[in-house]
Each structure stands twice: as structure tokens, then as C-alpha cells.
Amino acid sequence: MSAFAFQDLTVGYGDGAPVVDGLGLDLAEGAVVALLGANGAGKTTVLRALAGLQPARAGRILLGGRDLARLSAEDRVRAGLSLVPEGRSVVVELTVDENLRLGGLWRHRPKARKAAVEEMYALFPALDRRRRAAGHTLSGGERQMLALARALLARPAVVLLDEPSLGLAPKATAQLLGVLRETAARTGLTVLLAEQNVTGALSVASRGVVLSLGAVAADRPAADLAADPALRHAYLGF
């Protein structure tokens, strides 16, 4: 059984035609899967529907064999599914430490929460150096690290990331994606990574799935996808 899967996912806005129509993927435990495609391909719509932020017209969302499709967004988080949305969503009025403690509030008892926060500081040394800094003073890379650390504090089984490298310098992108790959390998975390930074995404993913108009145009090992110039030119623009 897959660690995480969705089947026949159909999502649209209002009364319009579906943006995503009958999409299905299976993700193994510990896999990092890159969800690729041009703007408008449906990547963000897929992640929002999986997280419960955009209603799906149809489909099943299976985590450990349990169907989450009828659960609220909050209950999906409690079931082990976390979304890090585009835009580095942190509470800018709070410090780094306050953001992290807030992220682990419902999952951990006080002593365990403190240990979990320290684990995040070990994982992201740049945040450790900015513990008392307010969120609005952080760089883009630091904010993205903080958003990811908050998601990981909930001890999810699956993390959905939407454009984590958007607006980041190459060094910050490489550091962030490297932490993501190491965490998945060490803990068995399953990651679905929607990215337009195709090179970066394929460098950490084991598999790449290319969306075109809400449907799967290709589903290949990441190395094969990166090495196929015809496919890259047709769907990924490089």
C-alpha cells in the first residue's frame, strides 16, 4: 500500500470546467516527488485540494489507507498531512521562536514541544541564530525555512510544498531543498513538491510528474526526466 495516494481528483472553480480532472498519484513512504509544469498547469490547485483549502468535486485522498477527502483542513493536519503554501506564510509580528512554539502547540506536551523546537534549530542553523528576531526582519530564505520548520514540527507523514524556492537566491534554495531531501531519507517523510525551479526540484526528487492542463503528461524517474530534452522543451520550458 502507498503511504499517500489520491485517486480521480477533480477540482474546479465556480461553475467552470475542471482545472484538474480525474488526477491520481501514488507516493511511497520517504519519497520526494516533484510536481512540475508551466503556470496554469494545476500544481497549486492540486495541493490546495489535497490540503482541504479548495473543495474537490470528486476523488479520494488516502493517507495510510484512510480517506481524508471529507475531512476539514484542520483534521487533515491532525491526520498527518501538512501544506507549506506559496508565500512563506509566517506570523511576521512574532519572533522565530514564537512561530515555532506556535507550530507545535497542539501536537506536543510542553517538554516534548521544547525538544521538537530544538530539533528544528539543529536542522536549520540559520534560524537558530535568529531565535529572537521578528518574522518581518527575516530574509526570504529564512522565512521559507521557518515555514517549513513549522510544518515539520507537527510531525506530519506527508508534506505538500508549493513553490518553496520562489524568490529565493540559489544558495538558499539549495540549502532548503537539501534539508528536505535529508529529512525525507532520515524520517520516512513523504514529500510532494510543486516547483517551477525544475532543475532544483529534480535534483532532490526521486520522481518527477509533469502536469499539463490538469492532467499527467509524464511520470518518470527524476534523472530520466531531467535528461529528456524533448519532454523538457515541450512542457517545462528549458
C-alpha atoms as a PDB file:
ATOM      1  CA  MET A   1       0.000   0.000   0.000  1.00  0.00           C
ATOM      2  CA  SER A   2       1.224   3.508  -0.822  1.00  0.00           C
ATOM      3  CA  ALA A   3       1.988   5.821   2.075  1.00  0.00           C
ATOM      4  CA  PHE A   4      -0.046   8.529   0.342  1.00  0.00           C
ATOM      5  CA  ALA A   5      -2.265   8.433  -2.713  1.00  0.00           C
ATOM      6  CA  PHE A   6      -5.057  10.318  -4.370  1.00  0.00           C
ATOM      7  CA  GLN A   7      -7.417   8.965  -6.997  1.00  0.00           C
ATOM      8  CA  ASP A   8      -9.793  10.550  -9.530  1.00  0.00           C
ATOM      9  CA  LEU A   9      -9.151  14.027  -8.095  1.00  0.00           C
ATOM     10  CA  THR A  10     -11.332  16.580  -9.874  1.00  0.00           C
ATOM     11  CA  VAL A  11     -11.147  20.241  -8.905  1.00  0.00           C
ATOM     12  CA  GLY A  12     -12.585  23.408 -10.414  1.00  0.00           C
ATOM     13  CA  TYR A  13     -13.607  26.933  -9.524  1.00  0.00           C
ATOM     14  CA  GLY A  14     -17.235  28.002  -9.601  1.00  0.00           C
ATOM     15  CA  ASP A  15     -19.221  26.513 -12.460  1.00  0.00           C
ATOM     16  CA  GLY A  16     -16.283  26.453 -14.857  1.00  0.00           C
ATOM     17  CA  ALA A  17     -14.574  23.481 -16.423  1.00  0.00           C
ATOM     18  CA  PRO A  18     -12.331  21.460 -14.087  1.00  0.00           C
ATOM     19  CA  VAL A  19      -8.797  22.716 -13.637  1.00  0.00           C
ATOM     20  CA  VAL A  20      -7.812  19.184 -12.579  1.00  0.00           C
ATOM     21  CA  ASP A  21      -9.863  16.291 -13.937  1.00  0.00           C
ATOM     22  CA  GLY A  22      -9.514  12.720 -12.684  1.00  0.00           C
ATOM     23  CA  LEU A  23      -5.922  13.056 -11.480  1.00  0.00           C
ATOM     24  CA  GLY A  24      -4.309  10.254  -9.490  1.00  0.00           C
ATOM     25  CA  LEU A  25      -0.852   9.621  -7.995  1.00  0.00           C
ATOM     26  CA  ASP A  26       0.699   7.133  -5.564  1.00  0.00           C
ATOM     27  CA  LEU A  27       3.617   8.185  -3.354  1.00  0.00           C
ATOM     28  CA  ALA A  28       5.772   5.758  -1.397  1.00  0.00           C
ATOM     29  CA  GLU A  29       6.922   6.397   2.172  1.00  0.00           C
ATOM     30  CA  GLY A  30      10.010   8.598   2.174  1.00  0.00           C
ATOM     31  CA  ALA A  31       9.617   9.590  -1.480  1.00  0.00           C
ATOM     32  CA  VAL A  32      10.243  13.115  -2.716  1.00  0.00           C
ATOM     33  CA  VAL A  33       8.088  13.638  -5.811  1.00  0.00           C
ATOM     34  CA  ALA A  34       8.395  16.804  -7.895  1.00  0.00           C
ATOM     35  CA  LEU A  35       5.122  18.087  -9.367  1.00  0.00           C
ATOM     36  CA  LEU A  36       6.145  20.146 -12.389  1.00  0.00           C
ATOM     37  CA  GLY A  37       4.506  22.168 -15.110  1.00  0.00           C
ATOM     38  CA  ALA A  38       4.043  25.660 -16.505  1.00  0.00           C
ATOM     39  CA  ASN A  39       1.914  28.341 -14.890  1.00  0.00           C
ATOM     40  CA  GLY A  40      -1.719  27.274 -15.099  1.00  0.00           C
ATOM     41  CA  ALA A  41      -0.916  23.572 -15.248  1.00  0.00           C
ATOM     42  CA  GLY A  42      -2.812  22.956 -11.992  1.00  0.00           C
ATOM     43  CA  LYS A  43       0.004  22.406  -9.485  1.00  0.00           C
ATOM     44  CA  THR A  44      -1.232  24.798  -6.794  1.00  0.00           C
ATOM     45  CA  THR A  45      -4.831  23.677  -7.308  1.00  0.00           C
ATOM     46  CA  VAL A  46      -3.809  20.067  -6.637  1.00  0.00           C
ATOM     47  CA  LEU A  47      -2.000  20.943  -3.411  1.00  0.00           C
ATOM     48  CA  ARG A  48      -4.808  23.160  -2.142  1.00  0.00           C
ATOM     49  CA  ALA A  49      -7.379  20.453  -2.830  1.00  0.00           C
ATOM     50  CA  LEU A  50      -5.282  17.811  -1.072  1.00  0.00           C
ATOM     51  CA  ALA A  51      -4.875  20.091   1.950  1.00  0.00           C
ATOM     52  CA  GLY A  52      -8.599  20.852   2.107  1.00  0.00           C
ATOM     53  CA  LEU A  53      -8.300  24.542   1.199  1.00  0.00           C
ATOM     54  CA  GLN A  54     -10.049  24.127  -2.157  1.00  0.00           C
ATOM     55  CA  PRO A  55     -13.114  21.854  -2.362  1.00  0.00           C
ATOM     56  CA  ALA A  56     -12.717  18.905  -4.695  1.00  0.00           C
ATOM     57  CA  ARG A  57     -15.634  17.913  -6.894  1.00  0.00           C
ATOM     58  CA  ALA A  58     -14.630  14.271  -6.698  1.00  0.00           C
ATOM     59  CA  GLY A  59     -11.830  11.977  -5.641  1.00  0.00           C
ATOM     60  CA  ARG A  60     -10.264  10.061  -2.774  1.00  0.00           C
ATOM     61  CA  ILE A  61      -7.254  11.182  -0.716  1.00  0.00           C
ATOM     62  CA  LEU A  62      -5.669   8.247   1.070  1.00  0.00           C
ATOM     63  CA  LEU A  63      -3.119   8.515   3.873  1.00  0.00           C
ATOM     64  CA  GLY A  64      -2.214   5.197   5.453  1.00  0.00           C
ATOM     65  CA  GLY A  65      -5.325   3.732   3.856  1.00  0.00           C
ATOM     66  CA  ARG A  66      -7.648   6.320   5.431  1.00  0.00           C
ATOM     67  CA  ASP A  67      -9.697   8.553   3.116  1.00  0.00           C
ATOM     68  CA  LEU A  68      -9.250  12.210   4.108  1.00  0.00           C
ATOM     69  CA  ALA A  69     -11.401  13.682   1.343  1.00  0.00           C
ATOM     70  CA  ARG A  70     -14.319  14.595   3.610  1.00  0.00           C
ATOM     71  CA  LEU A  71     -12.190  15.963   6.444  1.00  0.00           C
ATOM     72  CA  SER A  72     -11.670  19.658   7.186  1.00  0.00           C
ATOM     73  CA  ALA A  73      -8.272  21.224   6.543  1.00  0.00           C
ATOM     74  CA  GLU A  74      -7.559  21.182  10.298  1.00  0.00           C
ATOM     75  CA  ASP A  75      -8.409  17.499  10.607  1.00  0.00           C
ATOM     76  CA  ARG A  76      -6.190  16.667   7.648  1.00  0.00           C
ATOM     77  CA  VAL A  77      -3.287  18.281   9.508  1.00  0.00           C
ATOM     78  CA  ARG A  78      -4.129  16.192  12.571  1.00  0.00           C
ATOM     79  CA  ALA A  79      -4.183  13.098  10.356  1.00  0.00           C
ATOM     80  CA  GLY A  80      -0.615  13.828   9.222  1.00  0.00           C
ATOM     81  CA  LEU A  81      -0.933  15.995   6.100  1.00  0.00           C
ATOM     82  CA  SER A  82       0.758  19.433   6.144  1.00  0.00           C
ATOM     83  CA  LEU A  83       0.861  22.153   3.486  1.00  0.00           C
ATOM     84  CA  VAL A  84       3.550  24.823   3.182  1.00  0.00           C
ATOM     85  CA  PRO A  85       1.840  27.282   0.829  1.00  0.00           C
ATOM     86  CA  GLU A  86       3.470  29.639  -1.610  1.00  0.00           C
ATOM     87  CA  GLY A  87       4.375  32.939   0.002  1.00  0.00           C
ATOM     88  CA  ARG A  88       6.350  31.866   3.105  1.00  0.00           C
ATOM     89  CA  SER A  89       3.416  32.166   5.487  1.00  0.00           C
ATOM     90  CA  VAL A  90       4.771  33.035   8.923  1.00  0.00           C
ATOM     91  CA  VAL A  91       3.361  35.314  11.610  1.00  0.00           C
ATOM     92  CA  VAL A  92       5.550  38.341  10.972  1.00  0.00           C
ATOM     93  CA  GLU A  93       4.733  40.020  14.287  1.00  0.00           C
ATOM     94  CA  LEU A  94       6.092  37.043  16.246  1.00  0.00           C
ATOM     95  CA  THR A  95       9.705  36.035  16.727  1.00  0.00           C
ATOM     96  CA  VAL A  96      11.208  32.945  15.139  1.00  0.00           C
ATOM     97  CA  ASP A  97      10.961  31.120  18.463  1.00  0.00           C
ATOM     98  CA  GLU A  98       7.333  32.139  18.973  1.00  0.00           C
ATOM     99  CA  ASN A  99       6.437  30.989  15.468  1.00  0.00           C
ATOM    100  CA  LEU A 100       7.997  27.598  16.104  1.00  0.00           C
ATOM    101  CA  ARG A 101       6.381  27.115  19.503  1.00  0.00           C
ATOM    102  CA  LEU A 102       3.047  28.065  17.966  1.00  0.00           C
ATOM    103  CA  GLY A 103       3.556  25.473  15.233  1.00  0.00           C
ATOM    104  CA  GLY A 104       3.987  22.674  17.776  1.00  0.00           C
ATOM    105  CA  LEU A 105       1.309  23.816  20.184  1.00  0.00           C
ATOM    106  CA  TRP A 106      -1.344  21.186  19.563  1.00  0.00           C
ATOM    107  CA  ARG A 107       0.975  18.266  18.777  1.00  0.00           C
ATOM    108  CA  HIS A 108       3.335  18.241  21.736  1.00  0.00           C
ATOM    109  CA  ARG A 109       3.265  18.477  25.518  1.00  0.00           C
ATOM    110  CA  PRO A 110       5.456  21.319  26.839  1.00  0.00           C
ATOM    111  CA  LYS A 111       8.596  19.252  27.414  1.00  0.00           C
ATOM    112  CA  ALA A 112       8.273  17.426  24.111  1.00  0.00           C
ATOM    113  CA  ARG A 113       7.476  20.699  22.326  1.00  0.00           C
ATOM    114  CA  LYS A 114      10.693  22.248  23.571  1.00  0.00           C
ATOM    115  CA  ALA A 115      12.686  19.250  22.328  1.00  0.00           C
ATOM    116  CA  ALA A 116      10.931  19.404  18.956  1.00  0.00           C
ATOM    117  CA  VAL A 117      11.725  23.104  18.586  1.00  0.00           C
ATOM    118  CA  GLU A 118      15.393  22.458  19.394  1.00  0.00           C
ATOM    119  CA  GLU A 119      15.389  19.731  16.750  1.00  0.00           C
ATOM    120  CA  MET A 120      14.245  22.315  14.186  1.00  0.00           C
ATOM    121  CA  TYR A 121      17.047  24.650  15.228  1.00  0.00           C
ATOM    122  CA  ALA A 122      19.531  21.845  14.680  1.00  0.00           C
ATOM    123  CA  LEU A 123      18.012  21.222  11.262  1.00  0.00           C
ATOM    124  CA  PHE A 124      18.024  24.926  10.312  1.00  0.00           C
ATOM    125  CA  PRO A 125      21.084  26.630  11.903  1.00  0.00           C
ATOM    126  CA  ALA A 126      20.162  29.928  10.232  1.00  0.00           C
ATOM    127  CA  LEU A 127      17.002  30.009  12.356  1.00  0.00           C
ATOM    128  CA  ASP A 128      18.942  29.152  15.497  1.00  0.00           C
ATOM    129  CA  ARG A 129      20.943  32.330  15.003  1.00  0.00           C
ATOM    130  CA  ARG A 130      17.728  34.388  14.667  1.00  0.00           C
ATOM    131  CA  ARG A 131      15.666  32.970  17.547  1.00  0.00           C
ATOM    132  CA  ARG A 132      14.603  36.355  18.877  1.00  0.00           C
ATOM    133  CA  ALA A 133      14.240  38.080  15.514  1.00  0.00           C
ATOM    134  CA  ALA A 134      10.753  39.154  14.447  1.00  0.00           C
ATOM    135  CA  GLY A 135       9.349  37.451  11.376  1.00  0.00           C
ATOM    136  CA  HIS A 136       9.253  40.684   9.366  1.00  0.00           C
ATOM    137  CA  THR A 137      13.034  41.100   9.709  1.00  0.00           C
ATOM    138  CA  LEU A 138      13.866  37.716   8.152  1.00  0.00           C
ATOM    139  CA  SER A 139      15.179  37.258   4.647  1.00  0.00           C
ATOM    140  CA  GLY A 140      13.090  35.370   2.116  1.00  0.00           C
ATOM    141  CA  GLY A 141      15.174  32.255   2.624  1.00  0.00           C
ATOM    142  CA  GLU A 142      14.852  32.451   6.399  1.00  0.00           C
ATOM    143  CA  ARG A 143      11.086  32.872   6.153  1.00  0.00           C
ATOM    144  CA  GLN A 144      10.798  29.823   3.919  1.00  0.00           C
ATOM    145  CA  MET A 145      12.921  27.794   6.343  1.00  0.00           C
ATOM    146  CA  LEU A 146      10.675  28.945   9.199  1.00  0.00           C
ATOM    147  CA  ALA A 147       7.526  27.983   7.289  1.00  0.00           C
ATOM    148  CA  LEU A 148       8.939  24.520   6.582  1.00  0.00           C
ATOM    149  CA  ALA A 149      10.173  24.087  10.175  1.00  0.00           C
ATOM    150  CA  ARG A 150       6.700  24.947  11.492  1.00  0.00           C
ATOM    151  CA  ALA A 151       5.178  22.304   9.230  1.00  0.00           C
ATOM    152  CA  LEU A 152       7.716  19.680  10.312  1.00  0.00           C
ATOM    153  CA  LEU A 153       7.031  20.412  13.992  1.00  0.00           C
ATOM    154  CA  ALA A 154       3.604  18.816  13.585  1.00  0.00           C
ATOM    155  CA  ARG A 155       5.352  15.507  12.797  1.00  0.00           C
ATOM    156  CA  PRO A 156       3.467  15.035   9.516  1.00  0.00           C
ATOM    157  CA  ALA A 157       3.589  11.876   7.446  1.00  0.00           C
ATOM    158  CA  VAL A 158       3.213  13.938   4.256  1.00  0.00           C
ATOM    159  CA  VAL A 159       4.311  17.477   3.440  1.00  0.00           C
ATOM    160  CA  LEU A 160       2.971  19.388   0.447  1.00  0.00           C
ATOM    161  CA  LEU A 161       5.204  22.289  -0.636  1.00  0.00           C
ATOM    162  CA  ASP A 162       4.081  24.936  -3.101  1.00  0.00           C
ATOM    163  CA  GLU A 163       6.919  26.771  -4.868  1.00  0.00           C
ATOM    164  CA  PRO A 164       9.300  26.845  -1.871  1.00  0.00           C
ATOM    165  CA  SER A 165      12.126  28.343  -3.948  1.00  0.00           C
ATOM    166  CA  LEU A 166      10.066  31.256  -5.321  1.00  0.00           C
ATOM    167  CA  GLY A 167      12.078  34.451  -4.977  1.00  0.00           C
ATOM    168  CA  LEU A 168      14.983  32.784  -3.177  1.00  0.00           C
ATOM    169  CA  ALA A 169      18.660  33.088  -4.025  1.00  0.00           C
ATOM    170  CA  PRO A 170      20.221  29.901  -5.468  1.00  0.00           C
ATOM    171  CA  LYS A 171      22.216  29.260  -2.269  1.00  0.00           C
ATOM    172  CA  ALA A 172      19.089  29.491  -0.081  1.00  0.00           C
ATOM    173  CA  THR A 173      17.195  27.249  -2.494  1.00  0.00           C
ATOM    174  CA  ALA A 174      19.921  24.604  -2.451  1.00  0.00           C
ATOM    175  CA  GLN A 175      20.057  24.662   1.364  1.00  0.00           C
ATOM    176  CA  LEU A 176      16.292  24.365   1.734  1.00  0.00           C
ATOM    177  CA  LEU A 177      15.919  21.536  -0.769  1.00  0.00           C
ATOM    178  CA  GLY A 178      18.895  19.730   0.734  1.00  0.00           C
ATOM    179  CA  VAL A 179      17.284  19.775   4.191  1.00  0.00           C
ATOM    180  CA  LEU A 180      14.082  18.489   2.650  1.00  0.00           C
ATOM    181  CA  ARG A 181      15.797  15.550   0.960  1.00  0.00           C
ATOM    182  CA  GLU A 182      17.792  14.641   4.083  1.00  0.00           C
ATOM    183  CA  THR A 183      14.697  14.780   6.297  1.00  0.00           C
ATOM    184  CA  ALA A 184      12.713  12.534   3.961  1.00  0.00           C
ATOM    185  CA  ALA A 185      15.538   9.993   3.827  1.00  0.00           C
ATOM    186  CA  ARG A 186      16.059  10.024   7.596  1.00  0.00           C
ATOM    187  CA  THR A 187      12.464  10.011   8.818  1.00  0.00           C
ATOM    188  CA  GLY A 188      10.393   8.454   6.037  1.00  0.00           C
ATOM    189  CA  LEU A 189       8.585  11.746   5.408  1.00  0.00           C
ATOM    190  CA  THR A 190       6.739  11.743   2.088  1.00  0.00           C
ATOM    191  CA  VAL A 191       7.016  14.977   0.093  1.00  0.00           C
ATOM    192  CA  LEU A 192       5.024  16.320  -2.856  1.00  0.00           C
ATOM    193  CA  LEU A 193       6.918  19.346  -4.150  1.00  0.00           C
ATOM    194  CA  ALA A 194       5.284  21.709  -6.660  1.00  0.00           C
ATOM    195  CA  GLU A 195       8.005  23.752  -8.311  1.00  0.00           C
ATOM    196  CA  GLN A 196       8.845  25.856 -11.344  1.00  0.00           C
ATOM    197  CA  ASN A 197      12.533  25.569 -10.441  1.00  0.00           C
ATOM    198  CA  VAL A 198      12.729  22.325 -12.387  1.00  0.00           C
ATOM    199  CA  THR A 199      16.460  21.782 -12.045  1.00  0.00           C
ATOM    200  CA  GLY A 200      16.398  22.229  -8.281  1.00  0.00           C
ATOM    201  CA  ALA A 201      13.310  20.074  -7.818  1.00  0.00           C
ATOM    202  CA  LEU A 202      14.647  17.209  -9.916  1.00  0.00           C
ATOM    203  CA  SER A 203      17.983  17.341  -8.087  1.00  0.00           C
ATOM    204  CA  VAL A 204      16.300  16.282  -4.817  1.00  0.00           C
ATOM    205  CA  ALA A 205      13.340  14.261  -6.109  1.00  0.00           C
ATOM    206  CA  SER A 206      13.343  10.577  -6.921  1.00  0.00           C
ATOM    207  CA  ARG A 207      10.476  11.049  -9.376  1.00  0.00           C
ATOM    208  CA  GLY A 208       9.041  13.829 -11.482  1.00  0.00           C
ATOM    209  CA  VAL A 209       5.415  14.217 -12.525  1.00  0.00           C
ATOM    210  CA  VAL A 210       4.674  16.767 -15.250  1.00  0.00           C
ATOM    211  CA  LEU A 211       1.217  18.336 -15.358  1.00  0.00           C
ATOM    212  CA  SER A 212      -0.276  19.906 -18.452  1.00  0.00           C
ATOM    213  CA  LEU A 213      -3.785  21.385 -18.292  1.00  0.00           C
ATOM    214  CA  GLY A 214      -4.523  19.472 -15.111  1.00  0.00           C
ATOM    215  CA  ALA A 215      -3.536  16.057 -16.435  1.00  0.00           C
ATOM    216  CA  VAL A 216      -0.344  13.982 -16.181  1.00  0.00           C
ATOM    217  CA  ALA A 217       1.811  14.479 -19.262  1.00  0.00           C
ATOM    218  CA  ALA A 218       4.750  12.464 -17.894  1.00  0.00           C
ATOM    219  CA  ASP A 219       5.597  10.438 -14.801  1.00  0.00           C
ATOM    220  CA  ARG A 220       9.241   9.365 -14.816  1.00  0.00           C
ATOM    221  CA  PRO A 221      12.271   8.898 -12.569  1.00  0.00           C
ATOM    222  CA  ALA A 222      13.714  12.349 -11.917  1.00  0.00           C
ATOM    223  CA  ALA A 223      17.032  11.606 -13.627  1.00  0.00           C
ATOM    224  CA  ASP A 224      15.273  10.341 -16.769  1.00  0.00           C
ATOM    225  CA  LEU A 225      13.034  13.391 -16.891  1.00  0.00           C
ATOM    226  CA  ALA A 226      15.963  15.781 -16.498  1.00  0.00           C
ATOM    227  CA  ALA A 227      17.802  14.004 -19.327  1.00  0.00           C
ATOM    228  CA  ASP A 228      14.920  14.088 -21.850  1.00  0.00           C
ATOM    229  CA  PRO A 229      15.325  17.310 -23.883  1.00  0.00           C
ATOM    230  CA  ALA A 230      12.160  16.831 -25.948  1.00  0.00           C
ATOM    231  CA  LEU A 231       9.998  16.497 -22.824  1.00  0.00           C
ATOM    232  CA  ARG A 232      11.705  19.405 -21.108  1.00  0.00           C
ATOM    233  CA  HIS A 233      11.220  21.702 -24.076  1.00  0.00           C
ATOM    234  CA  ALA A 234       7.609  20.660 -24.604  1.00  0.00           C
ATOM    235  CA  TYR A 235       6.373  21.041 -21.028  1.00  0.00           C
ATOM    236  CA  LEU A 236       8.994  22.674 -18.809  1.00  0.00           C
ATOM    237  CA  GLY A 237      10.438  25.451 -20.940  1.00  0.00           C
ATOM    238  CA  PHE A 238      14.146  24.633 -20.822  1.00  0.00           C
END
